[in-house]
Amino acid sequence: MTTYQEYKAKIAELENLAETARKDEISKAKDKIATIMREYGLTIADLGGPAKVKTSKPRAPVPTKYRDDATGQTWTGRGRAPKWLEGKNKDEYLIK
């Protein structure tokens, strides 16, 4: 019966073999790419590089438009109206 320690040793050995194989494959891929680039006279700039990623600016908070003075609850006026405002005239709660 194989012990836990023996399994751990086998795992470590396989991880080393996998890393060695990975490095070898990467080296071969780099050589192949370099050969193709020399053959066609390509540069890194010719490859186009990664597309620019749009960065969005953080949005400014929306100002509050409505407030219930009795409870202190507020609403910006965007999206679905809150429960505390249902059936009531919004103009009465408008912040001026």
Protein backbone atom coordinates (compact mmCIF):
# COMPACT_ATOMS: atom_id res chain seq x y z
CA MET A 1 0.00 0.00 0.00
CA THR A 2 1.29 3.43 -0.97
CA THR A 3 1.64 5.96 1.82
CA TYR A 4 0.73 9.61 1.89
CA GLN A 5 4.40 10.63 1.87
CA GLU A 6 5.06 8.51 -1.21
CA TYR A 7 2.16 10.17 -3.01
CA LYS A 8 3.46 13.62 -2.03
CA ALA A 9 6.92 12.69 -3.39
CA LYS A 10 5.38 11.48 -6.67
CA ILE A 11 3.33 14.68 -6.95
CA ALA A 12 6.44 16.82 -6.44
CA GLU A 13 8.33 14.79 -9.05
CA LEU A 14 5.47 15.12 -11.57
CA GLU A 15 5.19 18.86 -10.93
CA ASN A 16 8.93 19.22 -11.64
CA LEU A 17 8.59 17.21 -14.84
CA ALA A 18 5.57 19.27 -15.92
CA GLU A 19 7.40 22.55 -15.30
CA THR A 20 10.42 21.33 -17.26
CA ALA A 21 8.16 20.27 -20.16
CA ARG A 22 6.39 23.64 -20.05
CA LYS A 23 9.64 25.59 -20.19
CA ASP A 24 10.85 23.41 -23.10
CA GLU A 25 7.61 23.95 -25.03
CA ILE A 26 7.70 27.70 -24.43
CA SER A 27 11.29 27.84 -25.65
CA LYS A 28 10.36 25.96 -28.84
CA ALA A 29 7.35 28.22 -29.40
CA LYS A 30 9.50 31.35 -28.99
CA ASP A 31 12.03 30.00 -31.50
CA LYS A 32 9.24 29.22 -33.97
CA ILE A 33 7.74 32.69 -33.58
CA ALA A 34 11.13 34.37 -33.96
CA THR A 35 11.80 32.37 -37.14
CA ILE A 36 8.45 33.38 -38.67
CA MET A 37 8.98 37.02 -37.70
CA ARG A 38 12.44 37.07 -39.31
CA GLU A 39 11.13 35.30 -42.42
CA TYR A 40 8.37 37.87 -42.97
CA GLY A 41 10.21 40.88 -41.54
CA LEU A 42 7.67 41.44 -38.77
CA THR A 43 8.16 43.44 -35.60
CA ILE A 44 6.27 43.44 -32.33
CA ALA A 45 4.48 46.61 -33.46
CA ASP A 46 3.23 44.75 -36.57
CA LEU A 47 1.43 42.26 -34.35
CA GLY A 48 -0.95 44.97 -33.15
CA GLY A 49 -0.57 44.37 -29.45
CA PRO A 50 -3.47 44.21 -27.04
CA ALA A 51 -6.48 46.40 -27.69
CA LYS A 52 -6.82 49.41 -25.45
CA VAL A 53 -9.06 48.71 -22.53
CA LYS A 54 -11.61 51.39 -21.84
CA THR A 55 -11.40 52.59 -18.30
CA SER A 56 -14.57 54.01 -16.89
CA LYS A 57 -14.48 56.90 -14.52
CA PRO A 58 -16.29 56.42 -11.24
CA ARG A 59 -19.72 57.95 -11.42
CA ALA A 60 -20.61 60.84 -9.21
CA PRO A 61 -23.41 60.11 -6.77
CA VAL A 62 -26.83 61.29 -7.86
CA PRO A 63 -28.21 64.09 -5.69
CA THR A 64 -31.26 63.33 -3.57
CA LYS A 65 -34.50 64.85 -4.90
CA TYR A 66 -37.10 63.61 -2.41
CA ARG A 67 -37.06 63.34 1.40
CA ASP A 68 -39.60 62.25 3.97
CA ASP A 69 -38.94 64.60 6.88
CA ALA A 70 -40.81 62.34 9.29
CA THR A 71 -38.57 59.31 8.75
CA GLY A 72 -35.51 60.82 7.09
CA GLN A 73 -35.78 58.44 4.12
CA THR A 74 -34.62 59.76 0.77
CA TRP A 75 -34.93 58.97 -2.93
CA THR A 76 -32.98 60.27 -5.91
CA GLY A 77 -35.94 60.13 -8.23
CA ARG A 78 -34.35 57.41 -10.31
CA GLY A 79 -35.55 53.87 -10.58
CA ARG A 80 -38.62 52.47 -8.90
CA ALA A 81 -40.28 54.72 -6.36
CA PRO A 82 -39.80 53.57 -2.75
CA LYS A 83 -42.64 52.12 -0.66
CA TRP A 84 -42.82 55.19 1.60
CA LEU A 85 -43.76 57.29 -1.44
CA GLU A 86 -46.48 55.00 -2.85
CA GLY A 87 -49.88 56.64 -3.18
CA LYS A 88 -48.53 60.04 -2.13
CA ASN A 89 -47.91 63.22 -4.08
CA LYS A 90 -44.19 63.31 -4.91
CA ASP A 91 -44.21 67.10 -5.10
CA GLU A 92 -44.85 67.29 -1.35
CA TYR A 93 -41.56 65.49 -0.67
CA LEU A 94 -39.48 67.37 -3.25
CA ILE A 95 -36.33 68.92 -1.76
CA LYS A 96 -36.16 72.60 -2.67
